[in-house]
Amino acid sequence: MGDNVAWTAGSGTTIATDEINGVHFQKVFAMAGNTAIAIAGLTVTGNGELALPSSPLADRKRVILQNRSTIHPLYLGPTGVTYSTGLEILPGAIATLELGPAVTLYGLSEAGGTCNVRVFEIS
């Protein structure tokens, strides 16, 4: 059960913050997804980027991607992702990203390569 905390600026209870460029932001713990999940298996090649997934889960909070290739890395990024600009996910590795449904994530394998990718979304 949560506690209510009375707070008056300049006195009273200390509130945890992060300071960014001289401005304090109160630390907030986001609740984990509790609405729906979706999973898709996709084949990503080096012939062009592919949206991961093609249609995001409504109210998505988190995406977990698994590169099931045993040989080829997977590269993640925005549209136009390349081998040199993408986030490299090694064969067998998993990436967890906090992404809302408005963000389209793209994947690309290396030239001549193919990656079987599992995309697990949580809303």
PDB file of N, CA and C in Angstrom:
ATOM      1  N   MET A   1       0.852  -1.172   0.000  1.00  0.00           N
ATOM      2  CA  MET A   1       0.000   0.000   0.000  1.00  0.00           C
ATOM      3  C   MET A   1       0.898   1.236   0.000  1.00  0.00           C
ATOM      4  N   GLY A   2       0.575   2.218  -0.812  1.00  0.00           N
ATOM      5  CA  GLY A   2       1.368   3.433  -0.897  1.00  0.00           C
ATOM      6  C   GLY A   2       1.099   4.369   0.262  1.00  0.00           C
ATOM      7  N   ASP A   3       2.081   5.196   0.570  1.00  0.00           N
ATOM      8  CA  ASP A   3       1.929   6.191   1.624  1.00  0.00           C
ATOM      9  C   ASP A   3       1.725   7.556   0.996  1.00  0.00           C
ATOM     10  N   ASN A   4       0.869   8.366   1.611  1.00  0.00           N
ATOM     11  CA  ASN A   4       0.717   9.751   1.189  1.00  0.00           C
ATOM     12  C   ASN A   4       1.739  10.572   1.957  1.00  0.00           C
ATOM     13  N   VAL A   5       2.434  11.455   1.275  1.00  0.00           N
ATOM     14  CA  VAL A   5       3.466  12.264   1.902  1.00  0.00           C
ATOM     15  C   VAL A   5       3.109  13.730   1.733  1.00  0.00           C
ATOM     16  N   ALA A   6       2.969  14.417   2.866  1.00  0.00           N
ATOM     17  CA  ALA A   6       2.754  15.864   2.806  1.00  0.00           C
ATOM     18  C   ALA A   6       4.088  16.519   2.514  1.00  0.00           C
ATOM     19  N   TRP A   7       4.127  17.468   1.598  1.00  0.00           N
ATOM     20  CA  TRP A   7       5.382  18.088   1.215  1.00  0.00           C
ATOM     21  C   TRP A   7       5.177  19.568   1.023  1.00  0.00           C
ATOM     22  N   THR A   8       6.053  20.355   1.630  1.00  0.00           N
ATOM     23  CA  THR A   8       6.052  21.797   1.468  1.00  0.00           C
ATOM     24  C   THR A   8       7.413  22.194   0.934  1.00  0.00           C
ATOM     25  N   ALA A   9       7.420  22.948  -0.141  1.00  0.00           N
ATOM     26  CA  ALA A   9       8.692  23.353  -0.743  1.00  0.00           C
ATOM     27  C   ALA A   9       9.578  24.022   0.296  1.00  0.00           C
ATOM     28  N   GLY A  10      10.826  23.593   0.374  1.00  0.00           N
ATOM     29  CA  GLY A  10      11.783  24.206   1.283  1.00  0.00           C
ATOM     30  C   GLY A  10      11.843  23.580   2.661  1.00  0.00           C
ATOM     31  N   SER A  11      10.874  22.734   3.009  1.00  0.00           N
ATOM     32  CA  SER A  11      10.915  22.098   4.320  1.00  0.00           C
ATOM     33  C   SER A  11      10.162  20.778   4.269  1.00  0.00           C
ATOM     34  N   GLY A  12      10.364  19.966   5.288  1.00  0.00           N
ATOM     35  CA  GLY A  12       9.597  18.728   5.357  1.00  0.00           C
ATOM     36  C   GLY A  12      10.349  17.551   4.778  1.00  0.00           C
ATOM     37  N   THR A  13       9.608  16.616   4.221  1.00  0.00           N
ATOM     38  CA  THR A  13      10.151  15.367   3.722  1.00  0.00           C
ATOM     39  C   THR A  13      11.045  15.585   2.508  1.00  0.00           C
ATOM     40  N   THR A  14      12.139  14.852   2.447  1.00  0.00           N
ATOM     41  CA  THR A  14      13.030  14.906   1.295  1.00  0.00           C
ATOM     42  C   THR A  14      12.449  14.058   0.174  1.00  0.00           C
ATOM     43  N   ILE A  15      12.428  14.603  -1.017  1.00  0.00           N
ATOM     44  CA  ILE A  15      11.913  13.911  -2.193  1.00  0.00           C
ATOM     45  C   ILE A  15      13.110  13.571  -3.090  1.00  0.00           C
ATOM     46  N   ALA A  16      13.203  12.345  -3.574  1.00  0.00           N
ATOM     47  CA  ALA A  16      14.292  11.946  -4.456  1.00  0.00           C
ATOM     48  C   ALA A  16      14.109  12.574  -5.831  1.00  0.00           C
ATOM     49  N   THR A  17      15.201  13.138  -6.372  1.00  0.00           N
ATOM     50  CA  THR A  17      15.142  13.757  -7.697  1.00  0.00           C
ATOM     51  C   THR A  17      16.385  13.398  -8.494  1.00  0.00           C
ATOM     52  N   ASP A  18      16.297  13.622  -9.791  1.00  0.00           N
ATOM     53  CA  ASP A  18      17.446  13.611 -10.682  1.00  0.00           C
ATOM     54  C   ASP A  18      17.616  15.037 -11.172  1.00  0.00           C
ATOM     55  N   GLU A  19      18.838  15.517 -11.171  1.00  0.00           N
ATOM     56  CA  GLU A  19      19.093  16.869 -11.654  1.00  0.00           C
ATOM     57  C   GLU A  19      19.627  16.800 -13.069  1.00  0.00           C
ATOM     58  N   ILE A  20      18.950  17.487 -13.987  1.00  0.00           N
ATOM     59  CA  ILE A  20      19.343  17.531 -15.384  1.00  0.00           C
ATOM     60  C   ILE A  20      19.422  18.989 -15.803  1.00  0.00           C
ATOM     61  N   ASN A  21      20.611  19.433 -16.161  1.00  0.00           N
ATOM     62  CA  ASN A  21      20.840  20.820 -16.578  1.00  0.00           C
ATOM     63  C   ASN A  21      20.326  21.822 -15.556  1.00  0.00           C
ATOM     64  N   GLY A  22      20.566  21.538 -14.273  1.00  0.00           N
ATOM     65  CA  GLY A  22      20.189  22.458 -13.213  1.00  0.00           C
ATOM     66  C   GLY A  22      18.730  22.411 -12.801  1.00  0.00           C
ATOM     67  N   VAL A  23      17.960  21.514 -13.376  1.00  0.00           N
ATOM     68  CA  VAL A  23      16.532  21.391 -13.035  1.00  0.00           C
ATOM     69  C   VAL A  23      16.308  20.036 -12.383  1.00  0.00           C
ATOM     70  N   HIS A  24      15.573  20.036 -11.274  1.00  0.00           N
ATOM     71  CA  HIS A  24      15.289  18.789 -10.563  1.00  0.00           C
ATOM     72  C   HIS A  24      13.984  18.180 -11.052  1.00  0.00           C
ATOM     73  N   PHE A  25      14.018  16.856 -11.318  1.00  0.00           N
ATOM     74  CA  PHE A  25      12.845  16.104 -11.732  1.00  0.00           C
ATOM     75  C   PHE A  25      12.616  15.018 -10.695  1.00  0.00           C
ATOM     76  N   GLN A  26      11.401  14.946 -10.183  1.00  0.00           N
ATOM     77  CA  GLN A  26      11.103  13.937  -9.174  1.00  0.00           C
ATOM     78  C   GLN A  26      11.215  12.545  -9.775  1.00  0.00           C
ATOM     79  N   LYS A  27      11.862  11.640  -9.049  1.00  0.00           N
ATOM     80  CA  LYS A  27      11.969  10.254  -9.498  1.00  0.00           C
ATOM     81  C   LYS A  27      10.604   9.595  -9.373  1.00  0.00           C
ATOM     82  N   VAL A  28      10.192   8.941 -10.440  1.00  0.00           N
ATOM     83  CA  VAL A  28       8.904   8.256 -10.471  1.00  0.00           C
ATOM     84  C   VAL A  28       9.145   6.849 -10.978  1.00  0.00           C
ATOM     85  N   PHE A  29       8.576   5.873 -10.319  1.00  0.00           N
ATOM     86  CA  PHE A  29       8.704   4.493 -10.753  1.00  0.00           C
ATOM     87  C   PHE A  29       7.479   4.133 -11.571  1.00  0.00           C
ATOM     88  N   ALA A  30       7.688   3.837 -12.846  1.00  0.00           N
ATOM     89  CA  ALA A  30       6.585   3.484 -13.731  1.00  0.00           C
ATOM     90  C   ALA A  30       6.131   2.056 -13.431  1.00  0.00           C
ATOM     91  N   MET A  31       4.848   1.857 -13.502  1.00  0.00           N
ATOM     92  CA  MET A  31       4.320   0.514 -13.295  1.00  0.00           C
ATOM     93  C   MET A  31       4.595  -0.328 -14.532  1.00  0.00           C
ATOM     94  N   ALA A  32       4.828  -1.592 -14.309  1.00  0.00           N
ATOM     95  CA  ALA A  32       5.046  -2.509 -15.422  1.00  0.00           C
ATOM     96  C   ALA A  32       3.763  -2.652 -16.222  1.00  0.00           C
ATOM     97  N   GLY A  33       3.914  -3.138 -17.444  1.00  0.00           N
ATOM     98  CA  GLY A  33       2.748  -3.340 -18.286  1.00  0.00           C
ATOM     99  C   GLY A  33       1.756  -4.286 -17.644  1.00  0.00           C
ATOM    100  N   ASN A  34       0.487  -3.999 -17.863  1.00  0.00           N
ATOM    101  CA  ASN A  34      -0.536  -4.863 -17.282  1.00  0.00           C
ATOM    102  C   ASN A  34      -1.782  -4.941 -18.151  1.00  0.00           C
ATOM    103  N   THR A  35      -1.636  -4.637 -19.435  1.00  0.00           N
ATOM    104  CA  THR A  35      -2.793  -4.642 -20.312  1.00  0.00           C
ATOM    105  C   THR A  35      -2.775  -5.791 -21.305  1.00  0.00           C
ATOM    106  N   ALA A  36      -1.659  -5.934 -22.021  1.00  0.00           N
ATOM    107  CA  ALA A  36      -1.598  -6.963 -23.064  1.00  0.00           C
ATOM    108  C   ALA A  36      -0.149  -7.258 -23.427  1.00  0.00           C
ATOM    109  N   ILE A  37       0.049  -8.391 -24.091  1.00  0.00           N
ATOM    110  CA  ILE A  37       1.347  -8.737 -24.656  1.00  0.00           C
ATOM    111  C   ILE A  37       1.135  -9.215 -26.084  1.00  0.00           C
ATOM    112  N   ALA A  38       2.186  -9.106 -26.871  1.00  0.00           N
ATOM    113  CA  ALA A  38       2.153  -9.618 -28.242  1.00  0.00           C
ATOM    114  C   ALA A  38       3.538 -10.133 -28.570  1.00  0.00           C
ATOM    115  N   ILE A  39       3.594 -11.181 -29.370  1.00  0.00           N
ATOM    116  CA  ILE A  39       4.882 -11.725 -29.787  1.00  0.00           C
ATOM    117  C   ILE A  39       4.826 -12.036 -31.280  1.00  0.00           C
ATOM    118  N   ALA A  40       5.926 -11.756 -31.951  1.00  0.00           N
ATOM    119  CA  ALA A  40       6.008 -12.020 -33.393  1.00  0.00           C
ATOM    120  C   ALA A  40       7.390 -12.558 -33.720  1.00  0.00           C
ATOM    121  N   GLY A  41       7.452 -13.448 -34.677  1.00  0.00           N
ATOM    122  CA  GLY A  41       8.713 -13.938 -35.217  1.00  0.00           C
ATOM    123  C   GLY A  41       8.890 -13.362 -36.603  1.00  0.00           C
ATOM    124  N   LEU A  42       9.983 -12.650 -36.824  1.00  0.00           N
ATOM    125  CA  LEU A  42      10.207 -11.983 -38.101  1.00  0.00           C
ATOM    126  C   LEU A  42      11.573 -12.361 -38.660  1.00  0.00           C
ATOM    127  N   THR A  43      11.687 -12.334 -39.972  1.00  0.00           N
ATOM    128  CA  THR A  43      12.964 -12.582 -40.635  1.00  0.00           C
ATOM    129  C   THR A  43      13.498 -11.261 -41.156  1.00  0.00           C
ATOM    130  N   VAL A  44      14.673 -10.885 -40.666  1.00  0.00           N
ATOM    131  CA  VAL A  44      15.319  -9.638 -41.057  1.00  0.00           C
ATOM    132  C   VAL A  44      16.525  -9.991 -41.920  1.00  0.00           C
ATOM    133  N   THR A  45      16.642  -9.335 -43.054  1.00  0.00           N
ATOM    134  CA  THR A  45      17.753  -9.606 -43.966  1.00  0.00           C
ATOM    135  C   THR A  45      18.619  -8.358 -44.117  1.00  0.00           C
ATOM    136  N   GLY A  46      19.685  -8.499 -44.876  1.00  0.00           N
ATOM    137  CA  GLY A  46      20.549  -7.368 -45.180  1.00  0.00           C
ATOM    138  C   GLY A  46      20.119  -6.623 -46.426  1.00  0.00           C
ATOM    139  N   ASN A  47      18.957  -6.991 -46.985  1.00  0.00           N
ATOM    140  CA  ASN A  47      18.481  -6.369 -48.222  1.00  0.00           C
ATOM    141  C   ASN A  47      17.691  -5.090 -48.007  1.00  0.00           C
ATOM    142  N   GLY A  48      17.423  -4.721 -46.768  1.00  0.00           N
ATOM    143  CA  GLY A  48      16.663  -3.513 -46.474  1.00  0.00           C
ATOM    144  C   GLY A  48      16.055  -3.604 -45.093  1.00  0.00           C
ATOM    145  N   GLU A  49      15.819  -2.445 -44.512  1.00  0.00           N
ATOM    146  CA  GLU A  49      15.277  -2.402 -43.154  1.00  0.00           C
ATOM    147  C   GLU A  49      13.873  -2.985 -43.083  1.00  0.00           C
ATOM    148  N   LEU A  50      13.502  -3.454 -41.885  1.00  0.00           N
ATOM    149  CA  LEU A  50      12.183  -4.021 -41.638  1.00  0.00           C
ATOM    150  C   LEU A  50      11.677  -3.463 -40.318  1.00  0.00           C
ATOM    151  N   ALA A  51      10.422  -2.993 -40.285  1.00  0.00           N
ATOM    152  CA  ALA A  51       9.820  -2.498 -39.040  1.00  0.00           C
ATOM    153  C   ALA A  51       9.638  -3.666 -38.079  1.00  0.00           C
ATOM    154  N   LEU A  52      10.017  -3.447 -36.808  1.00  0.00           N
ATOM    155  CA  LEU A  52       9.949  -4.481 -35.778  1.00  0.00           C
ATOM    156  C   LEU A  52       9.071  -4.019 -34.618  1.00  0.00           C
ATOM    157  N   PRO A  53       7.821  -4.406 -34.549  1.00  0.00           N
ATOM    158  CA  PRO A  53       7.029  -5.164 -35.500  1.00  0.00           C
ATOM    159  C   PRO A  53       6.425  -4.236 -36.547  1.00  0.00           C
ATOM    160  N   SER A  54       5.683  -4.821 -37.501  1.00  0.00           N
ATOM    161  CA  SER A  54       5.095  -3.989 -38.562  1.00  0.00           C
ATOM    162  C   SER A  54       3.985  -3.105 -38.023  1.00  0.00           C
ATOM    163  N   SER A  55       3.291  -3.540 -36.975  1.00  0.00           N
ATOM    164  CA  SER A  55       2.217  -2.761 -36.354  1.00  0.00           C
ATOM    165  C   SER A  55       2.364  -2.869 -34.838  1.00  0.00           C
ATOM    166  N   PRO A  56       2.710  -1.763 -34.145  1.00  0.00           N
ATOM    167  CA  PRO A  56       2.961  -1.844 -32.713  1.00  0.00           C
ATOM    168  C   PRO A  56       1.697  -2.117 -31.890  1.00  0.00           C
ATOM    169  N   LEU A  57       1.890  -2.765 -30.756  1.00  0.00           N
ATOM    170  CA  LEU A  57       0.825  -3.032 -29.805  1.00  0.00           C
ATOM    171  C   LEU A  57       0.319  -1.720 -29.227  1.00  0.00           C
ATOM    172  N   ALA A  58      -0.998  -1.552 -29.141  1.00  0.00           N
ATOM    173  CA  ALA A  58      -1.591  -0.327 -28.586  1.00  0.00           C
ATOM    174  C   ALA A  58      -1.098  -0.115 -27.156  1.00  0.00           C
ATOM    175  N   ASP A  59      -0.774   1.112 -26.811  1.00  0.00           N
ATOM    176  CA  ASP A  59      -0.307   1.489 -25.469  1.00  0.00           C
ATOM    177  C   ASP A  59       0.960   0.751 -25.037  1.00  0.00           C
ATOM    178  N   ARG A  60       1.769   0.370 -26.001  1.00  0.00           N
ATOM    179  CA  ARG A  60       3.008  -0.356 -25.709  1.00  0.00           C
ATOM    180  C   ARG A  60       3.899   0.449 -24.769  1.00  0.00           C
ATOM    181  N   LYS A  61       4.532  -0.273 -23.834  1.00  0.00           N
ATOM    182  CA  LYS A  61       5.461   0.342 -22.892  1.00  0.00           C
ATOM    183  C   LYS A  61       6.894  -0.166 -23.102  1.00  0.00           C
ATOM    184  N   ARG A  62       7.016  -1.430 -23.510  1.00  0.00           N
ATOM    185  CA  ARG A  62       8.327  -2.067 -23.582  1.00  0.00           C
ATOM    186  C   ARG A  62       8.363  -3.035 -24.760  1.00  0.00           C
ATOM    187  N   VAL A  63       9.558  -3.140 -25.373  1.00  0.00           N
ATOM    188  CA  VAL A  63       9.797  -4.096 -26.449  1.00  0.00           C
ATOM    189  C   VAL A  63      11.038  -4.905 -26.081  1.00  0.00           C
ATOM    190  N   ILE A  64      10.928  -6.216 -26.174  1.00  0.00           N
ATOM    191  CA  ILE A  64      12.070  -7.094 -25.952  1.00  0.00           C
ATOM    192  C   ILE A  64      12.342  -7.804 -27.274  1.00  0.00           C
ATOM    193  N   LEU A  65      13.565  -7.683 -27.770  1.00  0.00           N
ATOM    194  CA  LEU A  65      13.939  -8.295 -29.047  1.00  0.00           C
ATOM    195  C   LEU A  65      15.019  -9.337 -28.810  1.00  0.00           C
ATOM    196  N   GLN A  66      14.867 -10.479 -29.455  1.00  0.00           N
ATOM    197  CA  GLN A  66      15.861 -11.540 -29.365  1.00  0.00           C
ATOM    198  C   GLN A  66      16.368 -11.843 -30.767  1.00  0.00           C
ATOM    199  N   ASN A  67      17.679 -11.751 -30.954  1.00  0.00           N
ATOM    200  CA  ASN A  67      18.297 -12.127 -32.219  1.00  0.00           C
ATOM    201  C   ASN A  67      18.595 -13.623 -32.141  1.00  0.00           C
ATOM    202  N   ARG A  68      17.813 -14.443 -32.826  1.00  0.00           N
ATOM    203  CA  ARG A  68      17.953 -15.895 -32.755  1.00  0.00           C
ATOM    204  C   ARG A  68      18.964 -16.440 -33.755  1.00  0.00           C
ATOM    205  N   SER A  69      19.608 -15.560 -34.511  1.00  0.00           N
ATOM    206  CA  SER A  69      20.662 -16.002 -35.415  1.00  0.00           C
ATOM    207  C   SER A  69      21.845 -16.516 -34.587  1.00  0.00           C
ATOM    208  N   THR A  70      22.528 -17.497 -35.124  1.00  0.00           N
ATOM    209  CA  THR A  70      23.739 -17.988 -34.461  1.00  0.00           C
ATOM    210  C   THR A  70      24.994 -17.415 -35.103  1.00  0.00           C
ATOM    211  N   ILE A  71      24.812 -16.654 -36.186  1.00  0.00           N
ATOM    212  CA  ILE A  71      25.960 -16.146 -36.944  1.00  0.00           C
ATOM    213  C   ILE A  71      25.932 -14.631 -37.128  1.00  0.00           C
ATOM    214  N   HIS A  72      24.762 -14.074 -37.506  1.00  0.00           N
ATOM    215  CA  HIS A  72      24.684 -12.689 -37.963  1.00  0.00           C
ATOM    216  C   HIS A  72      24.168 -11.735 -36.889  1.00  0.00           C
ATOM    217  N   PRO A  73      24.791 -10.562 -36.765  1.00  0.00           N
ATOM    218  CA  PRO A  73      24.274  -9.544 -35.860  1.00  0.00           C
ATOM    219  C   PRO A  73      23.036  -8.873 -36.453  1.00  0.00           C
ATOM    220  N   LEU A  74      22.240  -8.276 -35.581  1.00  0.00           N
ATOM    221  CA  LEU A  74      21.054  -7.499 -35.940  1.00  0.00           C
ATOM    222  C   LEU A  74      21.359  -6.049 -35.602  1.00  0.00           C
ATOM    223  N   TYR A  75      20.961  -5.124 -36.463  1.00  0.00           N
ATOM    224  CA  TYR A  75      21.185  -3.707 -36.223  1.00  0.00           C
ATOM    225  C   TYR A  75      19.829  -3.021 -36.071  1.00  0.00           C
ATOM    226  N   LEU A  76      19.649  -2.258 -34.985  1.00  0.00           N
ATOM    227  CA  LEU A  76      18.394  -1.582 -34.688  1.00  0.00           C
ATOM    228  C   LEU A  76      18.549  -0.077 -34.771  1.00  0.00           C
ATOM    229  N   GLY A  77      17.477   0.602 -35.180  1.00  0.00           N
ATOM    230  CA  GLY A  77      17.503   2.056 -35.219  1.00  0.00           C
ATOM    231  C   GLY A  77      16.262   2.609 -35.878  1.00  0.00           C
ATOM    232  N   PRO A  78      16.267   3.918 -36.169  1.00  0.00           N
ATOM    233  CA  PRO A  78      15.146   4.540 -36.857  1.00  0.00           C
ATOM    234  C   PRO A  78      15.178   4.195 -38.340  1.00  0.00           C
ATOM    235  N   THR A  79      14.194   4.659 -39.077  1.00  0.00           N
ATOM    236  CA  THR A  79      14.196   4.418 -40.510  1.00  0.00           C
ATOM    237  C   THR A  79      15.513   4.931 -41.093  1.00  0.00           C
ATOM    238  N   GLY A  80      16.075   4.169 -42.015  1.00  0.00           N
ATOM    239  CA  GLY A  80      17.372   4.518 -42.576  1.00  0.00           C
ATOM    240  C   GLY A  80      18.534   3.883 -41.824  1.00  0.00           C
ATOM    241  N   VAL A  81      18.244   2.990 -40.870  1.00  0.00           N
ATOM    242  CA  VAL A  81      19.298   2.343 -40.087  1.00  0.00           C
ATOM    243  C   VAL A  81      20.290   1.640 -41.008  1.00  0.00           C
ATOM    244  N   THR A  82      21.576   1.702 -40.655  1.00  0.00           N
ATOM    245  CA  THR A  82      22.633   1.038 -41.418  1.00  0.00           C
ATOM    246  C   THR A  82      23.493   0.229 -40.454  1.00  0.00           C
ATOM    247  N   TYR A  83      24.447  -0.494 -41.010  1.00  0.00           N
ATOM    248  CA  TYR A  83      25.365  -1.273 -40.173  1.00  0.00           C
ATOM    249  C   TYR A  83      26.205  -0.358 -39.294  1.00  0.00           C
ATOM    250  N   SER A  84      26.514   0.828 -39.793  1.00  0.00           N
ATOM    251  CA  SER A  84      27.388   1.732 -39.024  1.00  0.00           C
ATOM    252  C   SER A  84      26.616   2.637 -38.067  1.00  0.00           C
ATOM    253  N   THR A  85      25.302   2.797 -38.265  1.00  0.00           N
ATOM    254  CA  THR A  85      24.536   3.686 -37.376  1.00  0.00           C
ATOM    255  C   THR A  85      23.651   2.936 -36.390  1.00  0.00           C
ATOM    256  N   GLY A  86      23.363   1.672 -36.652  1.00  0.00           N
ATOM    257  CA  GLY A  86      22.433   0.930 -35.809  1.00  0.00           C
ATOM    258  C   GLY A  86      23.055   0.399 -34.532  1.00  0.00           C
ATOM    259  N   LEU A  87      22.211   0.111 -33.571  1.00  0.00           N
ATOM    260  CA  LEU A  87      22.604  -0.547 -32.333  1.00  0.00           C
ATOM    261  C   LEU A  87      22.793  -2.020 -32.644  1.00  0.00           C
ATOM    262  N   GLU A  88      24.005  -2.536 -32.456  1.00  0.00           N
ATOM    263  CA  GLU A  88      24.316  -3.914 -32.822  1.00  0.00           C
ATOM    264  C   GLU A  88      23.853  -4.877 -31.726  1.00  0.00           C
ATOM    265  N   ILE A  89      23.027  -5.848 -32.118  1.00  0.00           N
ATOM    266  CA  ILE A  89      22.574  -6.906 -31.229  1.00  0.00           C
ATOM    267  C   ILE A  89      23.238  -8.194 -31.721  1.00  0.00           C
ATOM    268  N   LEU A  90      24.141  -8.716 -30.935  1.00  0.00           N
ATOM    269  CA  LEU A  90      24.923  -9.877 -31.336  1.00  0.00           C
ATOM    270  C   LEU A  90      24.060 -11.132 -31.454  1.00  0.00           C
ATOM    271  N   PRO A  91      24.520 -12.139 -32.198  1.00  0.00           N
ATOM    272  CA  PRO A  91      23.774 -13.394 -32.314  1.00  0.00           C
ATOM    273  C   PRO A  91      23.454 -13.978 -30.930  1.00  0.00           C
ATOM    274  N   GLY A  92      22.198 -14.342 -30.745  1.00  0.00           N
ATOM    275  CA  GLY A  92      21.749 -14.924 -29.485  1.00  0.00           C
ATOM    276  C   GLY A  92      21.436 -13.918 -28.393  1.00  0.00           C
ATOM    277  N   ALA A  93      21.696 -12.645 -28.632  1.00  0.00           N
ATOM    278  CA  ALA A  93      21.507 -11.622 -27.601  1.00  0.00           C
ATOM    279  C   ALA A  93      20.065 -11.107 -27.561  1.00  0.00           C
ATOM    280  N   ILE A  94      19.738 -10.463 -26.435  1.00  0.00           N
ATOM    281  CA  ILE A  94      18.408  -9.881 -26.208  1.00  0.00           C
ATOM    282  C   ILE A  94      18.583  -8.402 -25.894  1.00  0.00           C
ATOM    283  N   ALA A  95      17.692  -7.567 -26.443  1.00  0.00           N
ATOM    284  CA  ALA A  95      17.670  -6.135 -26.147  1.00  0.00           C
ATOM    285  C   ALA A  95      16.299  -5.781 -25.587  1.00  0.00           C
ATOM    286  N   THR A  96      16.278  -5.008 -24.499  1.00  0.00           N
ATOM    287  CA  THR A  96      15.031  -4.529 -23.910  1.00  0.00           C
ATOM    288  C   THR A  96      14.995  -3.018 -24.056  1.00  0.00           C
ATOM    289  N   LEU A  97      13.932  -2.508 -24.679  1.00  0.00           N
ATOM    290  CA  LEU A  97      13.809  -1.075 -24.949  1.00  0.00           C
ATOM    291  C   LEU A  97      12.482  -0.559 -24.418  1.00  0.00           C
ATOM    292  N   GLU A  98      12.513   0.602 -23.798  1.00  0.00           N
ATOM    293  CA  GLU A  98      11.291   1.273 -23.345  1.00  0.00           C
ATOM    294  C   GLU A  98      10.808   2.134 -24.510  1.00  0.00           C
ATOM    295  N   LEU A  99       9.825   1.633 -25.252  1.00  0.00           N
ATOM    296  CA  LEU A  99       9.345   2.331 -26.450  1.00  0.00           C
ATOM    297  C   LEU A  99       7.827   2.375 -26.458  1.00  0.00           C
ATOM    298  N   GLY A 100       7.277   3.555 -26.674  1.00  0.00           N
ATOM    299  CA  GLY A 100       5.841   3.696 -26.838  1.00  0.00           C
ATOM    300  C   GLY A 100       5.420   3.303 -28.240  1.00  0.00           C
ATOM    301  N   PRO A 101       4.107   3.208 -28.482  1.00  0.00           N
ATOM    302  CA  PRO A 101       3.618   2.759 -29.782  1.00  0.00           C
ATOM    303  C   PRO A 101       3.867   3.744 -30.920  1.00  0.00           C
ATOM    304  N   ALA A 102       4.181   4.990 -30.607  1.00  0.00           N
ATOM    305  CA  ALA A 102       4.435   5.975 -31.664  1.00  0.00           C
ATOM    306  C   ALA A 102       5.835   5.836 -32.254  1.00  0.00           C
ATOM    307  N   VAL A 103       6.694   5.058 -31.609  1.00  0.00           N
ATOM    308  CA  VAL A 103       8.068   4.868 -32.088  1.00  0.00           C
ATOM    309  C   VAL A 103       8.125   3.615 -32.944  1.00  0.00           C
ATOM    310  N   THR A 104       8.562   3.780 -34.186  1.00  0.00           N
ATOM    311  CA  THR A 104       8.758   2.628 -35.073  1.00  0.00           C
ATOM    312  C   THR A 104      10.233   2.274 -35.066  1.00  0.00           C
ATOM    313  N   LEU A 105      10.519   1.048 -34.686  1.00  0.00           N
ATOM    314  CA  LEU A 105      11.882   0.546 -34.624  1.00  0.00           C
ATOM    315  C   LEU A 105      12.142  -0.305 -35.863  1.00  0.00           C
ATOM    316  N   TYR A 106      13.305  -0.122 -36.470  1.00  0.00           N
ATOM    317  CA  TYR A 106      13.649  -0.872 -37.673  1.00  0.00           C
ATOM    318  C   TYR A 106      14.859  -1.758 -37.411  1.00  0.00           C
ATOM    319  N   GLY A 107      14.900  -2.888 -38.104  1.00  0.00           N
ATOM    320  CA  GLY A 107      16.007  -3.811 -37.997  1.00  0.00           C
ATOM    321  C   GLY A 107      16.610  -4.112 -39.346  1.00  0.00           C
ATOM    322  N   LEU A 108      17.889  -4.481 -39.335  1.00  0.00           N
ATOM    323  CA  LEU A 108      18.636  -4.795 -40.549  1.00  0.00           C
ATOM    324  C   LEU A 108      19.707  -5.810 -40.173  1.00  0.00           C
ATOM    325  N   SER A 109      19.899  -6.820 -40.999  1.00  0.00           N
ATOM    326  CA  SER A 109      20.998  -7.762 -40.797  1.00  0.00           C
ATOM    327  C   SER A 109      22.167  -7.288 -41.652  1.00  0.00           C
ATOM    328  N   GLU A 110      23.311  -7.957 -41.519  1.00  0.00           N
ATOM    329  CA  GLU A 110      24.450  -7.572 -42.342  1.00  0.00           C
ATOM    330  C   GLU A 110      24.234  -8.047 -43.777  1.00  0.00           C
ATOM    331  N   ALA A 111      24.987  -7.504 -44.704  1.00  0.00           N
ATOM    332  CA  ALA A 111      24.856  -7.870 -46.116  1.00  0.00           C
ATOM    333  C   ALA A 111      24.969  -9.378 -46.277  1.00  0.00           C
ATOM    334  N   GLY A 112      23.997  -9.980 -46.944  1.00  0.00           N
ATOM    335  CA  GLY A 112      23.989 -11.414 -47.169  1.00  0.00           C
ATOM    336  C   GLY A 112      23.524 -12.229 -45.971  1.00  0.00           C
ATOM    337  N   GLY A 113      23.239 -11.569 -44.864  1.00  0.00           N
ATOM    338  CA  GLY A 113      22.836 -12.265 -43.644  1.00  0.00           C
ATOM    339  C   GLY A 113      21.332 -12.291 -43.440  1.00  0.00           C
ATOM    340  N   THR A 114      20.900 -13.201 -42.590  1.00  0.00           N
ATOM    341  CA  THR A 114      19.493 -13.315 -42.217  1.00  0.00           C
ATOM    342  C   THR A 114      19.411 -13.538 -40.715  1.00  0.00           C
ATOM    343  N   CYS A 115      18.523 -12.819 -40.062  1.00  0.00           N
ATOM    344  CA  CYS A 115      18.289 -12.986 -38.627  1.00  0.00           C
ATOM    345  C   CYS A 115      16.832 -13.333 -38.392  1.00  0.00           C
ATOM    346  N   ASN A 116      16.610 -14.375 -37.615  1.00  0.00           N
ATOM    347  CA  ASN A 116      15.275 -14.678 -37.128  1.00  0.00           C
ATOM    348  C   ASN A 116      15.142 -13.906 -35.825  1.00  0.00           C
ATOM    349  N   VAL A 117      14.171 -12.989 -35.760  1.00  0.00           N
ATOM    350  CA  VAL A 117      14.040 -12.091 -34.619  1.00  0.00           C
ATOM    351  C   VAL A 117      12.699 -12.324 -33.926  1.00  0.00           C
ATOM    352  N   ARG A 118      12.735 -12.469 -32.608  1.00  0.00           N
ATOM    353  CA  ARG A 118      11.514 -12.523 -31.799  1.00  0.00           C
ATOM    354  C   ARG A 118      11.282 -11.141 -31.246  1.00  0.00           C
ATOM    355  N   VAL A 119      10.070 -10.632 -31.427  1.00  0.00           N
ATOM    356  CA  VAL A 119       9.685  -9.317 -30.920  1.00  0.00           C
ATOM    357  C   VAL A 119       8.575  -9.529 -29.895  1.00  0.00           C
ATOM    358  N   PHE A 120       8.842  -9.192 -28.662  1.00  0.00           N
ATOM    359  CA  PHE A 120       7.901  -9.369 -27.549  1.00  0.00           C
ATOM    360  C   PHE A 120       7.533  -7.978 -27.039  1.00  0.00           C
ATOM    361  N   GLU A 121       6.238  -7.631 -27.125  1.00  0.00           N
ATOM    362  CA  GLU A 121       5.786  -6.294 -26.714  1.00  0.00           C
ATOM    363  C   GLU A 121       4.899  -6.416 -25.475  1.00  0.00           C
ATOM    364  N   ILE A 122       5.004  -5.407 -24.606  1.00  0.00           N
ATOM    365  CA  ILE A 122       4.207  -5.351 -23.386  1.00  0.00           C
ATOM    366  C   ILE A 122       3.527  -4.000 -23.321  1.00  0.00           C
ATOM    367  N   SER A 123       2.219  -3.999 -23.041  1.00  0.00           N
ATOM    368  CA  SER A 123       1.511  -2.718 -22.858  1.00  0.00           C
ATOM    369  C   SER A 123       0.923  -2.659 -21.472  1.00  0.00           C
TER     370      SER A 123
END
